[in-house]
Amino acid sequence: MEDFTYPDFIGEFGGKKGGRPEAGFAGDGGLGSRFPAIDSRPRERLLWGGPSCLSDHELLAVLLNTGIRGKNVTALAGELLELLDHEKDIPSVRDLQALSGMGVGKACAVAAMLEFGRRRWGAAGARIRQPQDIYTLLRHHADRKQERFLCLSLNGAHEVLALRIVSIGLVNRTIVHPREVFADPIIDRAAAVIVAHNHPSGQLKPSPEDDEITARLKAAADLLGLHFLDHLIFTESAWYSYRESGRMDKLPSLAFSPPVVGI
């Protein structure tokens, strides 16, 4: 079978039926401590394997280099990662300094690194042709111990306008609402959206809750005039695409009705 490619949404969404229902089924995961353990020699691993072989936690530990008395660099990197996961944009130097152990020098270095990375290699502008392209952009979120629900805003050429974390939930439960998902894409003047979330358990098969959320978001997107391109579930080693598997076409058709607010 030829590789799946997203259809041009100028016309009706169609494409091949069926796809690969089990696409990307692999991998396992588990529960961990608040700050997952990192390799004791991340610099050496970076030297021989390159930065892509390190987790986000390890990359921040290398950047920070040292901790402070009573807080080692692993704990400081973990707290910084939590802060970055909750921010939609690059935190200010003042916000970074609010972390215990983050002096002005470290805070400035982190802020400069984040801004330089955003300018040079940010997700914006990347073109989405198939689920693998999404997975490449999101894979670094897969090692989180809580579910991250993410949303990509796309223009009419399937180019990424922005990638944001919408919500952070419990290990096996993420609560999302259409207004939270689509608020920023509307401001972005997006033509299409893709949503995705990680499964810390390592299991890729969509749950009934995943189906319900996907159906609700698709109905809301239709109401707003946004093309709901895909919902991707991913782990550290694999992914599952609602669009490619054909599951999107099997979801119940919902007429999205916002709640009535009494006066």
Protein backbone atom coordinates (compact mmCIF):
# COMPACT_ATOMS: atom_id res chain seq x y z
CA MET A 1 0.00 0.00 0.00
CA GLU A 2 1.23 3.46 -0.78
CA ASP A 3 2.09 5.75 2.11
CA PHE A 4 -0.88 7.68 3.41
CA THR A 5 -0.93 11.40 2.56
CA TYR A 6 -3.44 13.95 3.78
CA PRO A 7 -5.93 15.00 1.10
CA ASP A 8 -6.24 18.58 -0.05
CA PHE A 9 -9.09 19.93 2.06
CA ILE A 10 -10.16 22.46 -0.58
CA GLY A 11 -12.47 19.66 -1.69
CA GLU A 12 -14.31 17.16 0.43
CA PHE A 13 -12.23 15.07 2.81
CA GLY A 14 -12.11 11.65 1.24
CA GLY A 15 -8.97 9.73 0.61
CA LYS A 16 -8.54 6.02 0.92
CA LYS A 17 -10.85 4.07 3.15
CA GLY A 18 -9.44 1.73 5.74
CA GLY A 19 -5.85 2.92 5.86
CA ARG A 20 -3.71 1.01 8.31
CA PRO A 21 -5.89 0.43 11.38
CA GLU A 22 -2.99 -0.60 13.51
CA ALA A 23 -0.54 2.01 12.22
CA GLY A 24 2.17 2.66 14.74
CA PHE A 25 1.03 0.15 17.41
CA ALA A 26 4.16 -0.39 19.44
CA GLY A 27 6.01 0.75 22.49
CA ASP A 28 5.35 0.62 26.18
CA GLY A 29 5.52 3.06 29.02
CA GLY A 30 4.96 3.30 32.71
CA LEU A 31 4.67 5.45 35.74
CA GLY A 32 7.56 7.34 37.23
CA SER A 33 8.56 9.84 39.83
CA ARG A 34 7.77 13.52 39.62
CA PHE A 35 11.08 14.15 37.88
CA PRO A 36 12.14 11.13 35.80
CA ALA A 37 15.69 9.97 36.32
CA ILE A 38 18.17 11.18 33.75
CA ASP A 39 21.34 9.57 32.57
CA SER A 40 24.27 10.51 34.78
CA ARG A 41 26.38 11.30 31.72
CA PRO A 42 24.12 13.27 29.33
CA ARG A 43 27.05 15.34 28.01
CA GLU A 44 28.91 12.23 26.91
CA ARG A 45 25.77 10.86 25.25
CA LEU A 46 25.28 14.19 23.50
CA LEU A 47 28.86 14.08 22.21
CA TRP A 48 28.56 10.63 20.63
CA GLY A 49 24.86 10.56 19.78
CA GLY A 50 23.95 14.19 19.17
CA PRO A 51 21.25 16.23 20.95
CA SER A 52 18.39 14.20 19.44
CA CYS A 53 19.28 11.21 21.65
CA LEU A 54 18.57 13.17 24.86
CA SER A 55 15.18 13.77 26.46
CA ASP A 56 13.95 17.32 27.07
CA HIS A 57 14.82 16.85 30.74
CA GLU A 58 18.40 15.85 29.89
CA LEU A 59 18.85 18.69 27.41
CA LEU A 60 17.85 21.22 30.07
CA ALA A 61 20.19 19.57 32.60
CA VAL A 62 23.09 19.96 30.15
CA LEU A 63 22.15 23.60 29.55
CA LEU A 64 21.85 24.42 33.27
CA ASN A 65 25.08 22.53 34.04
CA THR A 66 24.81 22.82 37.84
CA GLY A 67 22.21 23.07 40.54
CA ILE A 68 22.46 24.74 43.91
CA ARG A 69 22.97 23.56 47.45
CA GLY A 70 19.98 21.44 48.38
CA LYS A 71 18.75 21.10 44.78
CA ASN A 72 20.73 19.21 42.17
CA VAL A 73 20.61 19.94 38.47
CA THR A 74 18.18 17.08 37.84
CA ALA A 75 15.55 18.62 40.12
CA LEU A 76 16.13 22.12 38.76
CA ALA A 77 15.82 20.86 35.16
CA GLY A 78 12.59 19.07 36.11
CA GLU A 79 11.05 22.22 37.59
CA LEU A 80 12.10 24.23 34.54
CA LEU A 81 10.53 21.63 32.24
CA GLU A 82 7.25 21.84 34.19
CA LEU A 83 7.25 25.63 33.83
CA LEU A 84 7.89 25.43 30.08
CA ASP A 85 5.15 22.80 29.62
CA HIS A 86 2.59 25.12 31.21
CA GLU A 87 3.57 28.24 29.24
CA LYS A 88 2.15 28.98 25.79
CA ASP A 89 5.06 31.28 25.00
CA ILE A 90 8.65 31.73 26.10
CA PRO A 91 8.67 32.72 29.80
CA SER A 92 10.16 36.06 30.78
CA VAL A 93 13.49 36.19 32.56
CA ARG A 94 11.61 37.28 35.69
CA ASP A 95 9.36 34.20 35.51
CA LEU A 96 12.39 31.95 35.07
CA GLN A 97 14.12 33.57 38.03
CA ALA A 98 11.09 32.72 40.19
CA LEU A 99 12.35 29.12 40.22
CA SER A 100 14.56 28.48 43.23
CA GLY A 101 18.10 28.01 41.98
CA MET A 102 17.58 29.89 38.73
CA GLY A 103 19.84 32.92 39.00
CA VAL A 104 19.91 35.79 36.54
CA GLY A 105 22.70 34.19 34.49
CA LYS A 106 20.91 30.87 34.06
CA ALA A 107 17.57 32.58 33.42
CA CYS A 108 19.05 34.79 30.68
CA ALA A 109 20.81 31.82 29.07
CA VAL A 110 17.61 29.75 29.02
CA ALA A 111 15.51 32.63 27.62
CA ALA A 112 18.08 33.31 24.92
CA MET A 113 18.30 29.62 23.99
CA LEU A 114 14.51 29.32 23.71
CA GLU A 115 14.16 32.43 21.57
CA PHE A 116 17.04 31.46 19.27
CA GLY A 117 15.57 27.99 18.82
CA ARG A 118 12.13 29.44 18.06
CA ARG A 119 13.57 31.76 15.42
CA ARG A 120 15.73 29.19 13.70
CA TRP A 121 14.02 25.82 14.06
CA GLY A 122 10.52 26.38 15.40
CA ALA A 123 7.56 24.29 14.27
CA ALA A 124 6.05 27.26 12.45
CA GLY A 125 6.32 26.82 8.70
CA ALA A 126 6.68 23.04 8.73
CA ARG A 127 4.36 21.44 6.17
CA ILE A 128 2.17 18.55 7.25
CA ARG A 129 1.74 15.93 4.53
CA GLN A 130 1.22 12.78 6.57
CA PRO A 131 0.97 11.63 10.22
CA GLN A 132 4.72 11.03 10.41
CA ASP A 133 5.24 14.78 9.95
CA ILE A 134 3.07 15.47 13.00
CA TYR A 135 4.86 12.83 15.05
CA THR A 136 8.23 14.37 14.22
CA LEU A 137 7.08 17.69 15.70
CA LEU A 138 5.45 16.20 18.81
CA ARG A 139 7.59 13.20 19.70
CA HIS A 140 9.56 15.00 22.40
CA HIS A 141 6.35 15.28 24.46
CA ALA A 142 5.96 11.50 24.60
CA ASP A 143 8.12 10.93 27.67
CA ARG A 144 5.88 13.04 29.93
CA LYS A 145 4.22 11.17 32.78
CA GLN A 146 0.94 13.04 32.33
CA GLU A 147 -1.10 13.38 29.17
CA ARG A 148 -0.42 16.49 27.10
CA PHE A 149 -3.22 17.51 24.75
CA LEU A 150 -1.79 19.58 21.91
CA CYS A 151 -3.20 21.56 19.00
CA LEU A 152 -1.56 22.58 15.73
CA SER A 153 -2.91 25.53 13.76
CA LEU A 154 -2.45 25.13 9.99
CA ASN A 155 -2.87 27.45 7.04
CA GLY A 156 -4.46 26.49 3.74
CA ALA A 157 -1.25 24.82 2.54
CA HIS A 158 -1.07 22.58 5.65
CA GLU A 159 1.83 24.64 7.00
CA VAL A 160 2.08 24.96 10.78
CA LEU A 161 1.20 28.39 12.14
CA ALA A 162 1.58 27.42 15.79
CA LEU A 163 1.87 24.42 18.10
CA ARG A 164 0.47 24.72 21.62
CA ILE A 165 -0.20 22.62 24.71
CA VAL A 166 -3.92 22.96 25.41
CA SER A 167 -4.11 21.02 28.66
CA ILE A 168 -2.13 18.79 30.97
CA GLY A 169 -4.16 16.05 32.61
CA LEU A 170 -3.75 13.07 34.87
CA VAL A 171 -1.78 10.03 33.75
CA ASN A 172 -4.74 8.41 31.97
CA ARG A 173 -7.22 11.25 31.66
CA THR A 174 -7.14 14.58 29.89
CA ILE A 175 -10.07 16.97 30.04
CA VAL A 176 -10.43 19.24 27.03
CA HIS A 177 -13.16 21.58 25.87
CA PRO A 178 -13.66 22.91 22.32
CA ARG A 179 -13.38 26.53 23.46
CA GLU A 180 -9.90 25.84 24.89
CA VAL A 181 -8.79 23.94 21.79
CA PHE A 182 -10.00 26.41 19.16
CA ALA A 183 -9.51 29.78 20.90
CA ASP A 184 -5.94 30.22 19.65
CA PRO A 185 -6.44 28.76 16.12
CA ILE A 186 -9.22 31.31 15.57
CA ILE A 187 -6.82 34.11 16.54
CA ASP A 188 -4.21 32.54 14.24
CA ARG A 189 -6.77 32.68 11.39
CA ALA A 190 -6.08 29.01 10.85
CA ALA A 191 -7.74 27.08 8.03
CA ALA A 192 -7.28 23.68 9.65
CA VAL A 193 -6.34 22.11 12.96
CA ILE A 194 -4.74 18.91 14.16
CA VAL A 195 -4.98 17.70 17.75
CA ALA A 196 -2.79 15.14 19.45
CA HIS A 197 -2.09 13.67 22.84
CA ASN A 198 0.40 11.26 24.35
CA HIS A 199 -0.52 8.01 26.08
CA PRO A 200 1.89 7.57 29.01
CA SER A 201 0.71 3.96 29.36
CA GLY A 202 2.32 3.13 26.03
CA GLN A 203 -0.96 1.77 24.64
CA LEU A 204 -2.00 3.41 21.38
CA LYS A 205 -5.52 2.03 20.91
CA PRO A 206 -8.02 4.92 21.24
CA SER A 207 -10.31 4.75 24.26
CA PRO A 208 -14.07 5.46 24.15
CA GLU A 209 -13.23 8.81 25.77
CA ASP A 210 -10.77 9.55 22.95
CA ASP A 211 -13.51 8.83 20.38
CA GLU A 212 -15.98 11.05 22.21
CA ILE A 213 -13.52 13.96 22.44
CA THR A 214 -12.62 13.59 18.77
CA ALA A 215 -16.26 13.57 17.68
CA ARG A 216 -17.04 16.66 19.78
CA LEU A 217 -14.03 18.57 18.48
CA LYS A 218 -14.79 17.68 14.87
CA ALA A 219 -18.39 18.88 15.28
CA ALA A 220 -17.19 22.13 16.85
CA ALA A 221 -14.59 22.65 14.10
CA ASP A 222 -17.26 22.16 11.44
CA LEU A 223 -19.38 24.79 13.17
CA LEU A 224 -16.45 27.21 13.19
CA GLY A 225 -15.50 26.57 9.57
CA LEU A 226 -12.21 24.89 10.49
CA HIS A 227 -11.08 21.67 8.83
CA PHE A 228 -10.40 19.04 11.49
CA LEU A 229 -7.53 17.26 9.81
CA ASP A 230 -6.53 14.59 12.33
CA HIS A 231 -6.23 13.40 15.90
CA LEU A 232 -2.93 11.69 16.67
CA ILE A 233 -2.25 9.48 19.68
CA PHE A 234 1.46 8.92 20.27
CA THR A 235 4.04 7.30 22.52
CA GLU A 236 7.84 7.45 22.59
CA SER A 237 8.09 4.91 19.78
CA ALA A 238 4.92 5.06 17.68
CA TRP A 239 1.70 6.82 16.76
CA TYR A 240 -1.92 6.20 15.78
CA SER A 241 -3.78 8.45 13.33
CA TYR A 242 -7.58 8.75 13.32
CA ARG A 243 -7.50 9.98 9.73
CA GLU A 244 -5.14 7.38 8.31
CA SER A 245 -6.83 4.46 10.09
CA GLY A 246 -10.26 5.45 8.78
CA ARG A 247 -11.56 5.84 12.33
CA MET A 248 -12.45 9.50 11.71
CA ASP A 249 -15.16 8.46 9.25
CA LYS A 250 -16.66 6.00 11.76
CA LEU A 251 -17.20 8.51 14.56
CA PRO A 252 -20.79 9.42 15.42
CA SER A 253 -22.01 12.55 13.69
CA LEU A 254 -22.69 15.20 16.31
CA ALA A 255 -24.44 18.52 16.01
CA PHE A 256 -22.42 20.60 18.43
CA SER A 257 -24.66 22.64 20.70
CA PRO A 258 -23.02 25.05 23.14
CA PRO A 259 -24.54 24.96 26.64
CA VAL A 260 -27.45 27.34 27.25
CA VAL A 261 -26.63 29.93 29.87
CA GLY A 262 -29.56 31.23 31.88
CA ILE A 263 -30.08 34.92 32.57
